[in-house]
Amino acid sequence: MKIGIIGCGWLGRPLAKHLSSVHKVSCFSRQETPETFWDNELFIIAISTRDNYLESLNNFCLRMNPRASVILCSSTSVYKEFDEEVDENAEITQYSLQKEAEDLLHQKREKLLVLRLGGLMGKDRIAGRWKSVSTFTDSPVNYIHQDDVINIISKFIDKKITKGIFNLVAPEHPLRSEVHKKNSEDFGFKLGNFEGFSHRIVNGNKIIQTLGYEFIHPDPIEFWS
């Protein structure tokens, strides 16, 4: 399959490398992208919400092959209003930029797969080791490892699933304070402070049931072991 990846950063670049063993993969560059890029059969969008996000998405849709499938890497931040367990059927009333993006693409594309990614972790992204944040709300974490995101996207492509909304989160949800404490011990950084508590757990069972998927990294406490 001819696949175009828009957003070849921390997730997109290793995803492109993984998929290129089977598919013909090209990456979008704002500096230099041939017009033939827009002829791909599948587009995977993995860009941040900065820099005119909705306008960029709309422009991408106008240029894409009209018959192409689209995978949008969205975020579980769409559930920010909830303080309980939620799944893909939750009725979202407080709109975020990410939810607006999902709705925009639903209007523009018939074959759209929306993947709501939990906190992207693994490799050099170590939970708790942030330069600019020292106080955290404690809660069950809704994290997913980079390896699992790449593997899940690959399996969606293999199974030719082109529509739907799926939460991508690891099946285990230890407390953020537990994850940070272990990482602070393993990697030698100062443990931050915790104030308040959130009960939000994002349920990712749909992905397990649909794909028969077995997570490579089911427990966020062990993501860096």
N, C-alpha and C. Protein backbone atom coordinates (compact mmCIF):
# COMPACT_ATOMS: atom_id res chain seq x y z
N MET A 1 0.83 -1.20 0.00
CA MET A 1 0.00 0.00 0.00
C MET A 1 0.87 1.25 0.00
N LYS A 2 0.40 2.29 -0.66
CA LYS A 2 1.09 3.58 -0.66
C LYS A 2 0.57 4.42 0.50
N ILE A 3 1.46 4.73 1.43
CA ILE A 3 1.07 5.41 2.66
C ILE A 3 1.82 6.72 2.80
N GLY A 4 1.09 7.77 3.11
CA GLY A 4 1.70 9.07 3.40
C GLY A 4 1.53 9.40 4.86
N ILE A 5 2.63 9.75 5.52
CA ILE A 5 2.57 10.11 6.93
C ILE A 5 2.79 11.61 7.07
N ILE A 6 1.83 12.25 7.72
CA ILE A 6 1.91 13.70 7.95
C ILE A 6 2.23 13.91 9.43
N GLY A 7 3.46 14.30 9.68
CA GLY A 7 3.93 14.44 11.05
C GLY A 7 4.95 13.36 11.36
N CYS A 8 6.16 13.53 10.86
CA CYS A 8 7.21 12.51 11.05
C CYS A 8 8.13 12.91 12.19
N GLY A 9 7.54 12.96 13.39
CA GLY A 9 8.30 13.31 14.58
C GLY A 9 8.53 12.10 15.46
N TRP A 10 8.30 12.27 16.76
CA TRP A 10 8.62 11.24 17.75
C TRP A 10 7.87 9.94 17.47
N LEU A 11 6.62 10.04 17.03
CA LEU A 11 5.84 8.84 16.69
C LEU A 11 5.91 8.53 15.20
N GLY A 12 5.76 9.54 14.36
CA GLY A 12 5.67 9.32 12.92
C GLY A 12 6.90 8.73 12.29
N ARG A 13 8.07 9.12 12.77
CA ARG A 13 9.31 8.63 12.15
C ARG A 13 9.52 7.13 12.38
N PRO A 14 9.44 6.64 13.64
CA PRO A 14 9.57 5.19 13.81
C PRO A 14 8.41 4.41 13.20
N LEU A 15 7.23 5.02 13.13
CA LEU A 15 6.10 4.37 12.46
C LEU A 15 6.40 4.19 10.98
N ALA A 16 6.95 5.23 10.35
CA ALA A 16 7.30 5.15 8.93
C ALA A 16 8.33 4.05 8.69
N LYS A 17 9.32 3.97 9.58
CA LYS A 17 10.36 2.94 9.45
C LYS A 17 9.75 1.54 9.56
N HIS A 18 8.84 1.37 10.50
CA HIS A 18 8.21 0.07 10.71
C HIS A 18 7.35 -0.35 9.51
N LEU A 19 6.54 0.58 9.01
CA LEU A 19 5.63 0.26 7.91
C LEU A 19 6.36 0.07 6.59
N SER A 20 7.50 0.71 6.44
CA SER A 20 8.21 0.67 5.15
C SER A 20 8.78 -0.71 4.82
N SER A 21 8.78 -1.61 5.80
CA SER A 21 9.24 -2.98 5.51
C SER A 21 8.24 -3.73 4.65
N VAL A 22 6.99 -3.24 4.62
CA VAL A 22 5.93 -3.91 3.85
C VAL A 22 5.31 -2.98 2.81
N HIS A 23 5.20 -1.69 3.16
CA HIS A 23 4.48 -0.73 2.32
C HIS A 23 5.43 0.32 1.75
N LYS A 24 4.91 1.06 0.77
CA LYS A 24 5.65 2.19 0.23
C LYS A 24 5.25 3.43 1.01
N VAL A 25 6.17 3.94 1.83
CA VAL A 25 5.85 5.01 2.76
C VAL A 25 6.61 6.28 2.41
N SER A 26 5.90 7.40 2.46
CA SER A 26 6.55 8.71 2.27
C SER A 26 6.09 9.65 3.38
N CYS A 27 6.94 10.61 3.71
CA CYS A 27 6.65 11.56 4.78
C CYS A 27 6.43 12.96 4.22
N PHE A 28 5.45 13.64 4.78
CA PHE A 28 5.16 15.01 4.38
C PHE A 28 6.17 15.96 5.01
N SER A 29 6.66 16.89 4.21
CA SER A 29 7.54 17.94 4.70
C SER A 29 7.02 19.28 4.21
N ARG A 30 6.91 20.23 5.11
CA ARG A 30 6.43 21.56 4.70
C ARG A 30 7.41 22.24 3.74
N GLN A 31 8.68 21.84 3.83
CA GLN A 31 9.69 22.48 2.99
C GLN A 31 9.68 21.92 1.55
N GLU A 32 9.54 20.62 1.46
CA GLU A 32 9.67 20.03 0.13
C GLU A 32 8.89 18.72 0.03
N THR A 33 7.68 18.80 -0.51
CA THR A 33 6.86 17.61 -0.70
C THR A 33 6.34 17.61 -2.13
N PRO A 34 6.64 16.58 -2.91
CA PRO A 34 6.15 16.53 -4.30
C PRO A 34 4.63 16.40 -4.33
N GLU A 35 4.02 16.89 -5.40
CA GLU A 35 2.56 16.84 -5.51
C GLU A 35 2.06 15.40 -5.51
N THR A 36 2.89 14.46 -5.95
CA THR A 36 2.49 13.05 -5.97
C THR A 36 2.25 12.49 -4.57
N PHE A 37 2.74 13.18 -3.53
CA PHE A 37 2.49 12.73 -2.16
C PHE A 37 1.00 12.58 -1.90
N TRP A 38 0.20 13.45 -2.48
CA TRP A 38 -1.25 13.47 -2.21
C TRP A 38 -2.00 12.38 -2.95
N ASP A 39 -1.28 11.55 -3.71
CA ASP A 39 -1.91 10.42 -4.42
C ASP A 39 -1.90 9.14 -3.60
N ASN A 40 -1.38 9.18 -2.38
CA ASN A 40 -1.30 7.98 -1.56
C ASN A 40 -2.69 7.39 -1.27
N GLU A 41 -2.70 6.10 -0.94
CA GLU A 41 -3.97 5.40 -0.65
C GLU A 41 -4.40 5.58 0.80
N LEU A 42 -3.44 5.83 1.67
CA LEU A 42 -3.71 6.01 3.09
C LEU A 42 -2.85 7.13 3.63
N PHE A 43 -3.47 7.99 4.43
CA PHE A 43 -2.74 9.06 5.10
C PHE A 43 -2.86 8.88 6.61
N ILE A 44 -1.74 8.95 7.29
CA ILE A 44 -1.72 8.90 8.75
C ILE A 44 -1.30 10.27 9.26
N ILE A 45 -2.18 10.90 10.03
CA ILE A 45 -1.92 12.26 10.52
C ILE A 45 -1.51 12.18 11.98
N ALA A 46 -0.27 12.60 12.25
CA ALA A 46 0.29 12.53 13.61
C ALA A 46 1.00 13.83 13.94
N ILE A 47 0.25 14.93 13.84
CA ILE A 47 0.84 16.25 14.11
C ILE A 47 0.29 16.81 15.41
N SER A 48 1.01 17.76 15.99
CA SER A 48 0.55 18.37 17.23
C SER A 48 -0.57 19.37 16.94
N THR A 49 -1.25 19.78 17.98
CA THR A 49 -2.38 20.71 17.81
C THR A 49 -1.93 22.16 17.70
N ARG A 50 -0.62 22.38 17.71
CA ARG A 50 -0.13 23.74 17.54
C ARG A 50 -0.15 24.13 16.06
N ASP A 51 0.11 25.39 15.80
CA ASP A 51 0.33 25.88 14.42
C ASP A 51 -0.88 25.68 13.50
N ASN A 52 -1.96 26.40 13.81
CA ASN A 52 -3.14 26.41 12.92
C ASN A 52 -3.63 24.99 12.61
N TYR A 53 -3.87 24.24 13.65
CA TYR A 53 -4.18 22.81 13.53
C TYR A 53 -5.38 22.53 12.61
N LEU A 54 -6.52 23.16 12.90
CA LEU A 54 -7.72 22.88 12.11
C LEU A 54 -7.56 23.34 10.66
N GLU A 55 -6.95 24.49 10.49
CA GLU A 55 -6.71 24.99 9.13
C GLU A 55 -5.80 24.05 8.35
N SER A 56 -4.78 23.54 9.02
CA SER A 56 -3.86 22.59 8.37
C SER A 56 -4.60 21.31 7.97
N LEU A 57 -5.43 20.78 8.87
CA LEU A 57 -6.17 19.56 8.57
C LEU A 57 -7.10 19.76 7.38
N ASN A 58 -7.75 20.90 7.35
CA ASN A 58 -8.66 21.20 6.25
C ASN A 58 -7.89 21.26 4.93
N ASN A 59 -6.73 21.89 4.95
CA ASN A 59 -5.91 21.98 3.73
C ASN A 59 -5.43 20.61 3.28
N PHE A 60 -5.06 19.77 4.23
CA PHE A 60 -4.63 18.41 3.88
C PHE A 60 -5.77 17.67 3.17
N CYS A 61 -6.98 17.80 3.73
CA CYS A 61 -8.14 17.10 3.15
C CYS A 61 -8.42 17.55 1.73
N LEU A 62 -8.23 18.82 1.47
CA LEU A 62 -8.48 19.35 0.12
C LEU A 62 -7.51 18.78 -0.90
N ARG A 63 -6.31 18.41 -0.46
CA ARG A 63 -5.28 17.95 -1.38
C ARG A 63 -5.22 16.43 -1.50
N MET A 64 -5.74 15.72 -0.52
CA MET A 64 -5.64 14.26 -0.53
C MET A 64 -6.45 13.62 -1.64
N ASN A 65 -5.95 12.50 -2.12
CA ASN A 65 -6.71 11.62 -3.00
C ASN A 65 -8.09 11.40 -2.37
N PRO A 66 -9.19 11.75 -3.06
CA PRO A 66 -10.53 11.66 -2.46
C PRO A 66 -10.93 10.25 -2.05
N ARG A 67 -10.30 9.23 -2.62
CA ARG A 67 -10.64 7.84 -2.27
C ARG A 67 -9.76 7.29 -1.15
N ALA A 68 -8.83 8.09 -0.69
CA ALA A 68 -7.87 7.61 0.32
C ALA A 68 -8.52 7.45 1.69
N SER A 69 -7.96 6.52 2.47
CA SER A 69 -8.33 6.37 3.87
C SER A 69 -7.46 7.30 4.71
N VAL A 70 -7.99 7.67 5.88
CA VAL A 70 -7.24 8.54 6.79
C VAL A 70 -7.25 7.93 8.19
N ILE A 71 -6.08 7.92 8.82
CA ILE A 71 -5.97 7.60 10.24
C ILE A 71 -5.55 8.87 10.96
N LEU A 72 -6.39 9.33 11.88
CA LEU A 72 -6.07 10.52 12.67
C LEU A 72 -5.61 10.10 14.05
N CYS A 73 -4.41 10.48 14.41
CA CYS A 73 -3.91 10.26 15.76
C CYS A 73 -4.44 11.39 16.64
N SER A 74 -5.54 11.11 17.31
CA SER A 74 -6.19 12.06 18.21
C SER A 74 -5.68 11.82 19.62
N SER A 75 -6.44 12.21 20.62
CA SER A 75 -5.94 12.13 22.00
C SER A 75 -7.09 11.84 22.97
N THR A 76 -6.76 11.13 24.04
CA THR A 76 -7.76 10.90 25.10
C THR A 76 -8.06 12.18 25.87
N SER A 77 -7.40 13.28 25.53
CA SER A 77 -7.74 14.57 26.14
C SER A 77 -9.16 15.00 25.79
N VAL A 78 -9.78 14.36 24.81
CA VAL A 78 -11.18 14.67 24.48
C VAL A 78 -12.11 14.33 25.65
N TYR A 79 -11.65 13.52 26.59
CA TYR A 79 -12.47 13.11 27.73
C TYR A 79 -12.22 13.95 28.97
N LYS A 80 -11.68 15.15 28.80
CA LYS A 80 -11.23 15.94 29.95
C LYS A 80 -12.34 16.29 30.93
N GLU A 81 -13.61 16.26 30.48
CA GLU A 81 -14.72 16.62 31.37
C GLU A 81 -15.10 15.51 32.34
N PHE A 82 -14.59 14.30 32.13
CA PHE A 82 -15.02 13.15 32.92
C PHE A 82 -14.10 12.89 34.10
N ASP A 83 -14.70 12.41 35.19
CA ASP A 83 -13.94 12.02 36.38
C ASP A 83 -14.36 10.60 36.79
N GLU A 84 -14.41 9.74 35.79
CA GLU A 84 -14.87 8.36 35.96
C GLU A 84 -14.33 7.54 34.80
N GLU A 85 -14.66 6.26 34.77
CA GLU A 85 -14.22 5.43 33.64
C GLU A 85 -15.04 5.77 32.40
N VAL A 86 -14.36 5.90 31.27
CA VAL A 86 -15.03 6.26 30.02
C VAL A 86 -14.55 5.35 28.89
N ASP A 87 -15.42 5.15 27.91
CA ASP A 87 -15.01 4.45 26.69
C ASP A 87 -15.42 5.28 25.48
N GLU A 88 -15.34 4.69 24.31
CA GLU A 88 -15.59 5.43 23.07
C GLU A 88 -17.04 5.89 22.92
N ASN A 89 -17.95 5.34 23.72
CA ASN A 89 -19.36 5.73 23.64
C ASN A 89 -19.70 6.94 24.50
N ALA A 90 -18.74 7.46 25.24
CA ALA A 90 -19.00 8.61 26.11
C ALA A 90 -19.49 9.80 25.29
N GLU A 91 -20.50 10.47 25.80
CA GLU A 91 -21.04 11.66 25.12
C GLU A 91 -20.25 12.89 25.56
N ILE A 92 -19.47 13.42 24.63
CA ILE A 92 -18.59 14.54 24.94
C ILE A 92 -19.34 15.85 24.71
N THR A 93 -19.40 16.69 25.75
CA THR A 93 -20.12 17.96 25.64
C THR A 93 -19.18 19.16 25.71
N GLN A 94 -18.01 18.99 26.33
CA GLN A 94 -17.04 20.08 26.41
C GLN A 94 -16.03 19.93 25.29
N TYR A 95 -16.17 20.76 24.28
CA TYR A 95 -15.35 20.60 23.08
C TYR A 95 -13.93 21.07 23.29
N SER A 96 -13.00 20.30 22.77
CA SER A 96 -11.59 20.64 22.76
C SER A 96 -11.16 20.79 21.30
N LEU A 97 -9.98 21.32 21.10
CA LEU A 97 -9.45 21.44 19.74
C LEU A 97 -9.36 20.06 19.09
N GLN A 98 -8.98 19.06 19.88
CA GLN A 98 -8.84 17.71 19.34
C GLN A 98 -10.18 17.14 18.89
N LYS A 99 -11.24 17.41 19.66
CA LYS A 99 -12.58 16.94 19.27
C LYS A 99 -13.08 17.68 18.04
N GLU A 100 -12.79 18.95 17.95
CA GLU A 100 -13.14 19.71 16.75
C GLU A 100 -12.45 19.13 15.53
N ALA A 101 -11.20 18.71 15.70
CA ALA A 101 -10.45 18.11 14.60
C ALA A 101 -11.10 16.79 14.15
N GLU A 102 -11.50 15.98 15.12
CA GLU A 102 -12.17 14.72 14.79
C GLU A 102 -13.44 14.99 13.98
N ASP A 103 -14.24 15.94 14.46
CA ASP A 103 -15.51 16.25 13.77
C ASP A 103 -15.27 16.81 12.37
N LEU A 104 -14.24 17.64 12.25
CA LEU A 104 -13.91 18.20 10.93
C LEU A 104 -13.60 17.08 9.94
N LEU A 105 -12.77 16.13 10.36
CA LEU A 105 -12.39 15.05 9.45
C LEU A 105 -13.54 14.10 9.18
N HIS A 106 -14.42 13.93 10.14
CA HIS A 106 -15.62 13.10 9.89
C HIS A 106 -16.49 13.73 8.80
N GLN A 107 -16.51 15.06 8.75
CA GLN A 107 -17.27 15.75 7.70
C GLN A 107 -16.60 15.63 6.35
N LYS A 108 -15.27 15.55 6.35
CA LYS A 108 -14.52 15.61 5.09
C LYS A 108 -14.21 14.24 4.49
N ARG A 109 -14.09 13.20 5.32
CA ARG A 109 -13.61 11.92 4.83
C ARG A 109 -14.58 10.80 5.16
N GLU A 110 -14.83 9.94 4.19
CA GLU A 110 -15.71 8.80 4.42
C GLU A 110 -14.99 7.70 5.19
N LYS A 111 -13.75 7.41 4.78
CA LYS A 111 -12.97 6.34 5.43
C LYS A 111 -12.01 6.98 6.43
N LEU A 112 -12.49 7.08 7.68
CA LEU A 112 -11.72 7.75 8.73
C LEU A 112 -11.62 6.86 9.96
N LEU A 113 -10.41 6.63 10.40
CA LEU A 113 -10.13 5.88 11.62
C LEU A 113 -9.55 6.87 12.62
N VAL A 114 -10.26 7.07 13.73
CA VAL A 114 -9.80 8.00 14.77
C VAL A 114 -9.21 7.20 15.92
N LEU A 115 -7.95 7.43 16.21
CA LEU A 115 -7.26 6.75 17.30
C LEU A 115 -7.00 7.76 18.41
N ARG A 116 -7.68 7.58 19.53
CA ARG A 116 -7.50 8.49 20.67
C ARG A 116 -6.38 7.94 21.55
N LEU A 117 -5.20 8.52 21.39
CA LEU A 117 -4.01 8.03 22.06
C LEU A 117 -3.94 8.55 23.49
N GLY A 118 -3.62 7.64 24.40
CA GLY A 118 -3.32 8.06 25.76
C GLY A 118 -1.97 8.75 25.80
N GLY A 119 -1.48 9.02 27.00
CA GLY A 119 -0.18 9.67 27.13
C GLY A 119 0.91 8.84 26.48
N LEU A 120 1.57 9.41 25.48
CA LEU A 120 2.58 8.68 24.70
C LEU A 120 3.88 8.59 25.49
N MET A 121 4.27 7.36 25.79
CA MET A 121 5.44 7.14 26.63
C MET A 121 6.36 6.10 26.01
N GLY A 122 7.50 5.89 26.68
CA GLY A 122 8.48 4.91 26.22
C GLY A 122 9.71 5.59 25.67
N LYS A 123 10.78 4.79 25.49
CA LYS A 123 12.04 5.31 24.96
C LYS A 123 12.52 6.46 25.84
N ASP A 124 12.67 7.65 25.25
CA ASP A 124 13.19 8.80 26.01
C ASP A 124 12.10 9.62 26.68
N ARG A 125 10.85 9.25 26.53
CA ARG A 125 9.75 9.94 27.21
C ARG A 125 9.47 9.20 28.52
N ILE A 126 9.98 9.75 29.60
CA ILE A 126 9.93 9.09 30.90
C ILE A 126 8.98 9.86 31.82
N ALA A 127 7.89 9.21 32.20
CA ALA A 127 6.87 9.87 33.03
C ALA A 127 7.47 10.39 34.33
N GLY A 128 7.24 11.66 34.62
CA GLY A 128 7.73 12.29 35.84
C GLY A 128 8.97 13.12 35.63
N ARG A 129 9.70 12.87 34.56
CA ARG A 129 10.95 13.61 34.32
C ARG A 129 10.65 14.77 33.37
N TRP A 130 9.97 15.78 33.89
CA TRP A 130 9.64 16.96 33.09
C TRP A 130 10.43 18.16 33.61
N LYS A 131 10.89 18.98 32.71
CA LYS A 131 11.66 20.16 33.11
C LYS A 131 10.77 21.26 33.67
N SER A 132 9.54 21.37 33.15
CA SER A 132 8.72 22.54 33.47
C SER A 132 7.59 22.25 34.45
N VAL A 133 7.39 20.99 34.85
CA VAL A 133 6.28 20.65 35.74
C VAL A 133 6.82 19.94 36.98
N SER A 134 6.41 20.42 38.16
CA SER A 134 6.87 19.79 39.40
C SER A 134 5.71 19.39 40.31
N THR A 135 4.49 19.83 39.98
CA THR A 135 3.31 19.47 40.76
C THR A 135 2.31 18.77 39.86
N PHE A 136 1.78 17.65 40.33
CA PHE A 136 0.91 16.81 39.51
C PHE A 136 -0.37 16.46 40.25
N THR A 137 -1.43 16.26 39.50
CA THR A 137 -2.64 15.66 40.04
C THR A 137 -2.46 14.14 40.00
N ASP A 138 -2.69 13.49 41.13
CA ASP A 138 -2.57 12.03 41.12
C ASP A 138 -3.82 11.43 40.49
N SER A 139 -3.65 10.30 39.84
CA SER A 139 -4.77 9.64 39.16
C SER A 139 -4.28 8.32 38.59
N PRO A 140 -5.21 7.43 38.24
CA PRO A 140 -4.78 6.28 37.43
C PRO A 140 -4.28 6.82 36.09
N VAL A 141 -3.14 6.31 35.62
CA VAL A 141 -2.60 6.82 34.36
C VAL A 141 -3.28 6.16 33.17
N ASN A 142 -3.35 6.91 32.08
CA ASN A 142 -3.87 6.41 30.80
C ASN A 142 -2.76 6.57 29.77
N TYR A 143 -1.75 5.74 29.90
CA TYR A 143 -0.55 5.82 29.06
C TYR A 143 -0.56 4.72 28.01
N ILE A 144 0.21 4.93 26.97
CA ILE A 144 0.46 3.87 25.99
C ILE A 144 1.90 3.99 25.51
N HIS A 145 2.52 2.85 25.28
CA HIS A 145 3.92 2.82 24.83
C HIS A 145 3.99 3.01 23.32
N GLN A 146 5.02 3.71 22.89
CA GLN A 146 5.24 3.94 21.46
C GLN A 146 5.19 2.65 20.65
N ASP A 147 5.78 1.58 21.17
CA ASP A 147 5.80 0.30 20.45
C ASP A 147 4.39 -0.21 20.16
N ASP A 148 3.49 -0.06 21.15
CA ASP A 148 2.13 -0.54 20.96
C ASP A 148 1.35 0.30 19.96
N VAL A 149 1.54 1.62 19.98
CA VAL A 149 0.87 2.46 18.99
C VAL A 149 1.26 2.04 17.57
N ILE A 150 2.55 1.86 17.36
CA ILE A 150 3.04 1.47 16.04
C ILE A 150 2.48 0.11 15.63
N ASN A 151 2.49 -0.82 16.56
CA ASN A 151 2.00 -2.17 16.28
C ASN A 151 0.50 -2.18 15.99
N ILE A 152 -0.26 -1.41 16.75
CA ILE A 152 -1.72 -1.35 16.56
C ILE A 152 -2.06 -0.74 15.21
N ILE A 153 -1.41 0.36 14.85
CA ILE A 153 -1.66 0.97 13.54
C ILE A 153 -1.35 -0.01 12.43
N SER A 154 -0.26 -0.74 12.55
CA SER A 154 0.11 -1.73 11.55
C SER A 154 -0.95 -2.81 11.42
N LYS A 155 -1.52 -3.24 12.54
CA LYS A 155 -2.55 -4.29 12.50
C LYS A 155 -3.86 -3.77 11.89
N PHE A 156 -4.21 -2.50 12.15
CA PHE A 156 -5.38 -1.92 11.50
C PHE A 156 -5.21 -1.94 9.98
N ILE A 157 -4.02 -1.60 9.52
CA ILE A 157 -3.75 -1.59 8.08
C ILE A 157 -3.84 -3.00 7.52
N ASP A 158 -3.24 -3.97 8.22
CA ASP A 158 -3.27 -5.36 7.77
C ASP A 158 -4.69 -5.89 7.66
N LYS A 159 -5.54 -5.51 8.62
CA LYS A 159 -6.93 -6.01 8.65
C LYS A 159 -7.88 -5.16 7.80
N LYS A 160 -7.32 -4.11 7.16
CA LYS A 160 -8.10 -3.24 6.28
C LYS A 160 -9.31 -2.62 7.00
N ILE A 161 -9.11 -2.25 8.26
CA ILE A 161 -10.14 -1.54 9.02
C ILE A 161 -9.95 -0.05 8.78
N THR A 162 -10.96 0.59 8.21
CA THR A 162 -10.81 1.98 7.77
C THR A 162 -11.76 2.95 8.46
N LYS A 163 -12.60 2.45 9.38
CA LYS A 163 -13.56 3.34 10.03
C LYS A 163 -13.66 3.00 11.51
N GLY A 164 -13.99 4.01 12.30
CA GLY A 164 -14.23 3.78 13.72
C GLY A 164 -13.43 4.70 14.61
N ILE A 165 -13.77 4.67 15.90
CA ILE A 165 -13.08 5.43 16.93
C ILE A 165 -12.57 4.45 17.97
N PHE A 166 -11.29 4.55 18.31
CA PHE A 166 -10.69 3.61 19.25
C PHE A 166 -9.79 4.34 20.24
N ASN A 167 -9.92 3.96 21.52
CA ASN A 167 -8.98 4.43 22.54
C ASN A 167 -7.74 3.55 22.53
N LEU A 168 -6.57 4.19 22.50
CA LEU A 168 -5.31 3.45 22.57
C LEU A 168 -4.65 3.76 23.91
N VAL A 169 -4.91 2.90 24.88
CA VAL A 169 -4.30 3.02 26.20
C VAL A 169 -3.92 1.62 26.69
N ALA A 170 -2.85 1.54 27.45
CA ALA A 170 -2.45 0.27 28.03
C ALA A 170 -3.55 -0.23 28.97
N PRO A 171 -3.74 -1.54 29.08
CA PRO A 171 -4.84 -2.08 29.88
C PRO A 171 -4.70 -1.90 31.38
N GLU A 172 -3.49 -1.62 31.87
CA GLU A 172 -3.31 -1.42 33.31
C GLU A 172 -3.15 0.06 33.61
N HIS A 173 -3.69 0.48 34.77
CA HIS A 173 -3.75 1.91 35.12
C HIS A 173 -3.22 2.15 36.54
N PRO A 174 -1.93 1.95 36.76
CA PRO A 174 -1.38 2.28 38.08
C PRO A 174 -1.48 3.78 38.35
N LEU A 175 -1.31 4.17 39.60
CA LEU A 175 -1.38 5.59 39.93
C LEU A 175 -0.16 6.32 39.37
N ARG A 176 -0.39 7.59 38.98
CA ARG A 176 0.69 8.41 38.46
C ARG A 176 1.83 8.51 39.49
N SER A 177 1.47 8.65 40.77
CA SER A 177 2.49 8.76 41.81
C SER A 177 3.34 7.49 41.88
N GLU A 178 2.76 6.33 41.62
CA GLU A 178 3.51 5.07 41.63
C GLU A 178 4.49 5.01 40.46
N VAL A 179 4.02 5.42 39.29
CA VAL A 179 4.87 5.41 38.10
C VAL A 179 6.03 6.39 38.27
N HIS A 180 5.71 7.60 38.73
CA HIS A 180 6.75 8.62 38.91
C HIS A 180 7.78 8.19 39.96
N LYS A 181 7.29 7.58 41.04
CA LYS A 181 8.19 7.15 42.12
C LYS A 181 9.19 6.12 41.60
N LYS A 182 8.71 5.13 40.86
CA LYS A 182 9.61 4.12 40.31
C LYS A 182 10.61 4.74 39.34
N ASN A 183 10.12 5.63 38.49
CA ASN A 183 11.02 6.25 37.51
C ASN A 183 12.05 7.16 38.18
N SER A 184 11.63 7.85 39.24
CA SER A 184 12.58 8.72 39.93
C SER A 184 13.71 7.89 40.55
N GLU A 185 13.36 6.70 41.02
CA GLU A 185 14.38 5.81 41.60
C GLU A 185 15.27 5.22 40.50
N ASP A 186 14.64 4.83 39.39
CA ASP A 186 15.40 4.18 38.31
C ASP A 186 16.29 5.15 37.54
N PHE A 187 15.81 6.41 37.38
CA PHE A 187 16.51 7.36 36.52
C PHE A 187 17.14 8.52 37.28
N GLY A 188 16.96 8.55 38.60
CA GLY A 188 17.69 9.51 39.42
C GLY A 188 17.23 10.95 39.30
N PHE A 189 15.92 11.19 39.18
CA PHE A 189 15.44 12.57 39.22
C PHE A 189 14.58 12.78 40.46
N LYS A 190 14.39 14.04 40.83
CA LYS A 190 13.63 14.37 42.03
C LYS A 190 12.14 14.15 41.79
N LEU A 191 11.50 13.48 42.73
CA LEU A 191 10.07 13.21 42.63
C LEU A 191 9.28 14.50 42.86
N GLY A 192 8.30 14.76 41.99
CA GLY A 192 7.48 15.96 42.12
C GLY A 192 6.46 15.84 43.25
N ASN A 193 5.63 16.87 43.37
CA ASN A 193 4.57 16.91 44.38
C ASN A 193 3.24 16.52 43.75
N PHE A 194 2.34 15.99 44.60
CA PHE A 194 1.03 15.59 44.11
C PHE A 194 -0.06 16.29 44.91
N GLU A 195 -0.97 16.94 44.17
CA GLU A 195 -2.10 17.64 44.80
C GLU A 195 -3.38 17.26 44.09
N GLY A 196 -4.39 16.84 44.85
CA GLY A 196 -5.67 16.48 44.27
C GLY A 196 -5.65 15.09 43.66
N PHE A 197 -6.82 14.68 43.16
CA PHE A 197 -6.95 13.32 42.60
C PHE A 197 -8.03 13.31 41.52
N SER A 198 -7.74 12.63 40.42
CA SER A 198 -8.71 12.42 39.35
C SER A 198 -9.01 10.93 39.24
N HIS A 199 -10.27 10.59 38.99
CA HIS A 199 -10.68 9.19 38.90
C HIS A 199 -10.85 8.73 37.45
N ARG A 200 -10.42 9.55 36.49
CA ARG A 200 -10.67 9.20 35.08
C ARG A 200 -9.79 8.03 34.63
N ILE A 201 -10.46 6.98 34.16
CA ILE A 201 -9.79 5.85 33.53
C ILE A 201 -10.35 5.72 32.13
N VAL A 202 -9.49 5.72 31.14
CA VAL A 202 -9.92 5.55 29.75
C VAL A 202 -9.85 4.05 29.42
N ASN A 203 -11.00 3.50 29.08
CA ASN A 203 -11.12 2.07 28.80
C ASN A 203 -10.68 1.79 27.37
N GLY A 204 -9.71 0.90 27.21
CA GLY A 204 -9.20 0.56 25.89
C GLY A 204 -9.56 -0.84 25.43
N ASN A 205 -10.60 -1.44 26.03
CA ASN A 205 -10.94 -2.83 25.71
C ASN A 205 -11.37 -3.02 24.26
N LYS A 206 -11.93 -1.99 23.65
CA LYS A 206 -12.44 -2.12 22.27
C LYS A 206 -11.31 -2.53 21.32
N ILE A 207 -10.13 -1.98 21.53
CA ILE A 207 -9.00 -2.29 20.65
C ILE A 207 -8.59 -3.75 20.81
N ILE A 208 -8.65 -4.25 22.04
CA ILE A 208 -8.29 -5.64 22.33
C ILE A 208 -9.29 -6.58 21.66
N GLN A 209 -10.57 -6.24 21.77
CA GLN A 209 -11.62 -7.09 21.21
C GLN A 209 -11.63 -7.05 19.68
N THR A 210 -11.44 -5.87 19.10
CA THR A 210 -11.52 -5.72 17.64
C THR A 210 -10.35 -6.38 16.93
N LEU A 211 -9.16 -6.19 17.48
CA LEU A 211 -7.95 -6.69 16.82
C LEU A 211 -7.46 -8.02 17.41
N GLY A 212 -8.07 -8.44 18.52
CA GLY A 212 -7.51 -9.57 19.25
C GLY A 212 -6.10 -9.23 19.71
N TYR A 213 -5.93 -7.99 20.14
CA TYR A 213 -4.59 -7.46 20.38
C TYR A 213 -4.07 -7.79 21.76
N GLU A 214 -2.82 -8.19 21.82
CA GLU A 214 -2.12 -8.42 23.08
C GLU A 214 -1.02 -7.39 23.21
N PHE A 215 -1.10 -6.57 24.24
CA PHE A 215 -0.16 -5.46 24.39
C PHE A 215 1.26 -5.95 24.64
N ILE A 216 2.20 -5.27 23.99
CA ILE A 216 3.62 -5.53 24.23
C ILE A 216 4.00 -5.01 25.62
N HIS A 217 3.44 -3.85 25.97
CA HIS A 217 3.72 -3.20 27.25
C HIS A 217 2.39 -2.89 27.95
N PRO A 218 1.81 -3.87 28.67
CA PRO A 218 0.50 -3.65 29.28
C PRO A 218 0.53 -2.80 30.55
N ASP A 219 1.68 -2.72 31.22
CA ASP A 219 1.76 -2.04 32.52
C ASP A 219 2.71 -0.85 32.44
N PRO A 220 2.17 0.37 32.57
CA PRO A 220 3.01 1.57 32.47
C PRO A 220 4.16 1.63 33.49
N ILE A 221 4.04 0.95 34.60
CA ILE A 221 5.15 0.95 35.57
C ILE A 221 6.38 0.27 34.96
N GLU A 222 6.14 -0.64 34.01
CA GLU A 222 7.25 -1.39 33.42
C GLU A 222 7.66 -0.87 32.03
N PHE A 223 7.14 0.27 31.62
CA PHE A 223 7.43 0.79 30.28
C PHE A 223 8.93 0.96 30.02
N TRP A 224 9.70 1.28 31.06
CA TRP A 224 11.11 1.60 30.86
C TRP A 224 12.04 0.53 31.44
N SER A 225 11.47 -0.62 31.81
CA SER A 225 12.29 -1.69 32.40
C SER A 225 13.03 -2.46 31.32
